[in-house]
C-alpha atoms as a PDB file:
ATOM      1  CA  MET A   1     256.860 207.944  10.251  1.00  0.00           C
ATOM      2  CA  ASP A   2     256.363 207.355   6.521  1.00  0.00           C
ATOM      3  CA  TYR A   3     253.491 208.886   4.605  1.00  0.00           C
ATOM      4  CA  ILE A   4     252.104 207.692   1.311  1.00  0.00           C
ATOM      5  CA  SER A   5     252.059 209.997  -1.646  1.00  0.00           C
ATOM      6  CA  GLN A   6     248.907 211.144  -3.396  1.00  0.00           C
ATOM      7  CA  ASP A   7     249.828 208.856  -6.286  1.00  0.00           C
ATOM      8  CA  GLN A   8     250.107 205.830  -4.010  1.00  0.00           C
ATOM      9  CA  LEU A   9     246.822 206.701  -2.313  1.00  0.00           C
ATOM     10  CA  SER A  10     245.084 206.975  -5.674  1.00  0.00           C
ATOM     11  CA  GLN A  11     246.493 203.609  -6.745  1.00  0.00           C
ATOM     12  CA  LEU A  12     245.416 202.021  -3.445  1.00  0.00           C
ATOM     13  CA  ASN A  13     241.882 203.406  -3.840  1.00  0.00           C
ATOM     14  CA  SER A  14     241.684 202.063  -7.382  1.00  0.00           C
ATOM     15  CA  GLN A  15     242.798 198.586  -6.297  1.00  0.00           C
ATOM     16  CA  THR A  16     240.334 198.603  -3.388  1.00  0.00           C
ATOM     17  CA  GLU A  17     237.447 199.553  -5.686  1.00  0.00           C
ATOM     18  CA  THR A  18     238.389 196.755  -8.101  1.00  0.00           C
ATOM     19  CA  ILE A  19     238.507 194.168  -5.316  1.00  0.00           C
ATOM     20  CA  LEU A  20     235.200 195.319  -3.821  1.00  0.00           C
ATOM     21  CA  ALA A  21     233.467 195.348  -7.224  1.00  0.00           C
ATOM     22  CA  SER A  22     234.590 191.805  -8.042  1.00  0.00           C
ATOM     23  CA  ALA A  23     233.565 190.572  -4.566  1.00  0.00           C
ATOM     24  CA  HIS A  24     230.184 192.268  -4.974  1.00  0.00           C
ATOM     25  CA  ASN A  25     229.626 190.673  -8.402  1.00  0.00           C
ATOM     26  CA  MET A  26     230.707 187.281  -7.086  1.00  0.00           C
ATOM     27  CA  ASN A  27     228.317 187.573  -4.125  1.00  0.00           C
ATOM     28  CA  LEU A  28     225.442 188.561  -6.413  1.00  0.00           C
ATOM     29  CA  SER A  29     226.018 185.570  -8.664  1.00  0.00           C
ATOM     30  CA  LEU A  30     226.242 183.255  -5.642  1.00  0.00           C
ATOM     31  CA  VAL A  31     223.012 184.643  -4.218  1.00  0.00           C
ATOM     32  CA  ARG A  32     221.267 184.405  -7.596  1.00  0.00           C
ATOM     33  CA  SER A  33     222.344 180.797  -8.176  1.00  0.00           C
ATOM     34  CA  SER A  34     221.378 179.858  -4.622  1.00  0.00           C
ATOM     35  CA  LEU A  35     217.909 181.375  -5.020  1.00  0.00           C
ATOM     36  CA  GLU A  36     217.400 179.841  -8.466  1.00  0.00           C
ATOM     37  CA  SER A  37     218.306 176.397  -7.142  1.00  0.00           C
ATOM     38  CA  LYS A  38     215.537 176.709  -4.533  1.00  0.00           C
ATOM     39  CA  GLN A  39     212.796 177.701  -6.988  1.00  0.00           C
ATOM     40  CA  THR A  40     209.913 175.354  -7.591  1.00  0.00           C
ATOM     41  CA  SER A  41     208.990 174.416 -11.157  1.00  0.00           C
ATOM     42  CA  GLU A  42     206.013 176.817 -10.948  1.00  0.00           C
ATOM     43  CA  GLU A  43     208.302 179.682  -9.936  1.00  0.00           C
ATOM     44  CA  ARG A  44     210.715 178.880 -12.764  1.00  0.00           C
ATOM     45  CA  LYS A  45     207.851 178.836 -15.270  1.00  0.00           C
ATOM     46  CA  PHE A  46     206.502 182.140 -13.904  1.00  0.00           C
ATOM     47  CA  ARG A  47     209.927 183.815 -14.189  1.00  0.00           C
ATOM     48  CA  SER A  48     210.566 182.477 -17.681  1.00  0.00           C
ATOM     49  CA  ASN A  49     207.190 183.807 -18.883  1.00  0.00           C
ATOM     50  CA  LEU A  50     207.599 187.273 -17.326  1.00  0.00           C
ATOM     51  CA  ASN A  51     209.560 188.709 -20.255  1.00  0.00           C
ATOM     52  CA  LYS A  52     207.088 187.199 -22.722  1.00  0.00           C
ATOM     53  CA  GLY A  53     204.100 188.749 -20.911  1.00  0.00           C
ATOM     54  CA  TYR A  54     202.344 185.434 -20.266  1.00  0.00           C
ATOM     55  CA  GLY A  55     201.059 183.864 -17.082  1.00  0.00           C
ATOM     56  CA  ALA A  56     199.303 185.069 -13.956  1.00  0.00           C
ATOM     57  CA  ALA A  57     198.881 188.805 -13.411  1.00  0.00           C
ATOM     58  CA  SER A  58     201.846 190.351 -11.653  1.00  0.00           C
ATOM     59  CA  PRO A  59     203.258 193.832 -11.064  1.00  0.00           C
ATOM     60  CA  LEU A  60     206.531 192.408 -12.399  1.00  0.00           C
ATOM     61  CA  HIS A  61     205.137 192.263 -15.943  1.00  0.00           C
ATOM     62  CA  LYS A  62     206.328 195.007 -18.281  1.00  0.00           C
ATOM     63  CA  LEU A  63     203.903 193.700 -20.903  1.00  0.00           C
ATOM     64  CA  ARG A  64     200.708 191.677 -20.296  1.00  0.00           C
ATOM     65  CA  LEU A  65     199.646 189.360 -23.117  1.00  0.00           C
ATOM     66  CA  PHE A  66     197.673 186.805 -21.035  1.00  0.00           C
ATOM     67  CA  ASP A  67     198.634 183.731 -23.083  1.00  0.00           C
ATOM     68  CA  GLU A  68     200.673 182.544 -26.054  1.00  0.00           C
ATOM     69  CA  SER A  69     197.864 183.136 -28.536  1.00  0.00           C
ATOM     70  CA  ASN A  70     198.517 186.903 -28.253  1.00  0.00           C
ATOM     71  CA  SER A  71     201.474 188.892 -29.546  1.00  0.00           C
ATOM     72  CA  GLU A  72     202.700 192.455 -29.058  1.00  0.00           C
ATOM     73  CA  ASP A  73     200.940 193.393 -32.304  1.00  0.00           C
ATOM     74  CA  ASP A  74     197.591 192.589 -30.643  1.00  0.00           C
ATOM     75  CA  VAL A  75     198.041 195.281 -27.971  1.00  0.00           C
ATOM     76  CA  ARG A  76     195.362 197.974 -28.320  1.00  0.00           C
ATOM     77  CA  VAL A  77     195.596 199.687 -24.925  1.00  0.00           C
ATOM     78  CA  THR A  78     198.720 200.799 -23.096  1.00  0.00           C
ATOM     79  CA  LEU A  79     198.440 201.482 -19.376  1.00  0.00           C
ATOM     80  CA  TYR A  80     201.263 203.134 -17.489  1.00  0.00           C
ATOM     81  CA  ARG A  81     201.813 202.569 -13.799  1.00  0.00           C
ATOM     82  CA  ASP A  82     204.362 203.184 -11.118  1.00  0.00           C
ATOM     83  CA  SER A  83     206.962 200.428 -10.906  1.00  0.00           C
ATOM     84  CA  ALA A  84     205.898 199.446  -7.367  1.00  0.00           C
ATOM     85  CA  SER A  85     202.209 199.056  -8.351  1.00  0.00           C
ATOM     86  CA  TRP A  86     200.993 200.639  -5.153  1.00  0.00           C
ATOM     87  CA  CYS A  87     198.937 203.483  -6.637  1.00  0.00           C
ATOM     88  CA  PRO A  88     195.235 202.787  -5.843  1.00  0.00           C
ATOM     89  CA  TYR A  89     194.043 204.409  -9.080  1.00  0.00           C
ATOM     90  CA  GLY A  90     196.464 202.346 -11.142  1.00  0.00           C
ATOM     91  CA  VAL A  91     195.501 199.122  -9.385  1.00  0.00           C
ATOM     92  CA  SER A  92     191.767 199.740  -9.843  1.00  0.00           C
ATOM     93  CA  SER A  93     192.307 200.587 -13.534  1.00  0.00           C
ATOM     94  CA  PHE A  94     194.396 197.467 -13.969  1.00  0.00           C
ATOM     95  CA  LEU A  95     191.691 195.319 -12.332  1.00  0.00           C
ATOM     96  CA  PHE A  96     189.006 196.918 -14.494  1.00  0.00           C
ATOM     97  CA  TRP A  97     190.857 196.083 -17.725  1.00  0.00           C
ATOM     98  CA  LEU A  98     191.717 192.623 -16.435  1.00  0.00           C
ATOM     99  CA  LEU A  99     188.054 191.836 -15.710  1.00  0.00           C
ATOM    100  CA  LYS A 100     186.872 193.328 -18.992  1.00  0.00           C
END
């Protein structure tokens, strides 16, 4: 019975990791393109405006500017929240500022 050396095992592990990483990246790009092809025009517009801070209120916004007439220089209040937006205090504060 033949055994593989530590060197061969290390090389095999490295090759396996490379193959799995490329398959993972390929699957992610396939999933992303499949999902993007199924988006409605409203969803595409929402996603494209997320980074700009425009559009309907969403926990996905990192910055909320409301519309294109505002810029980052106009920001006077910075609110911090958890990334999942589940905190009741954070949600009520967010709603307060939104209604104001």
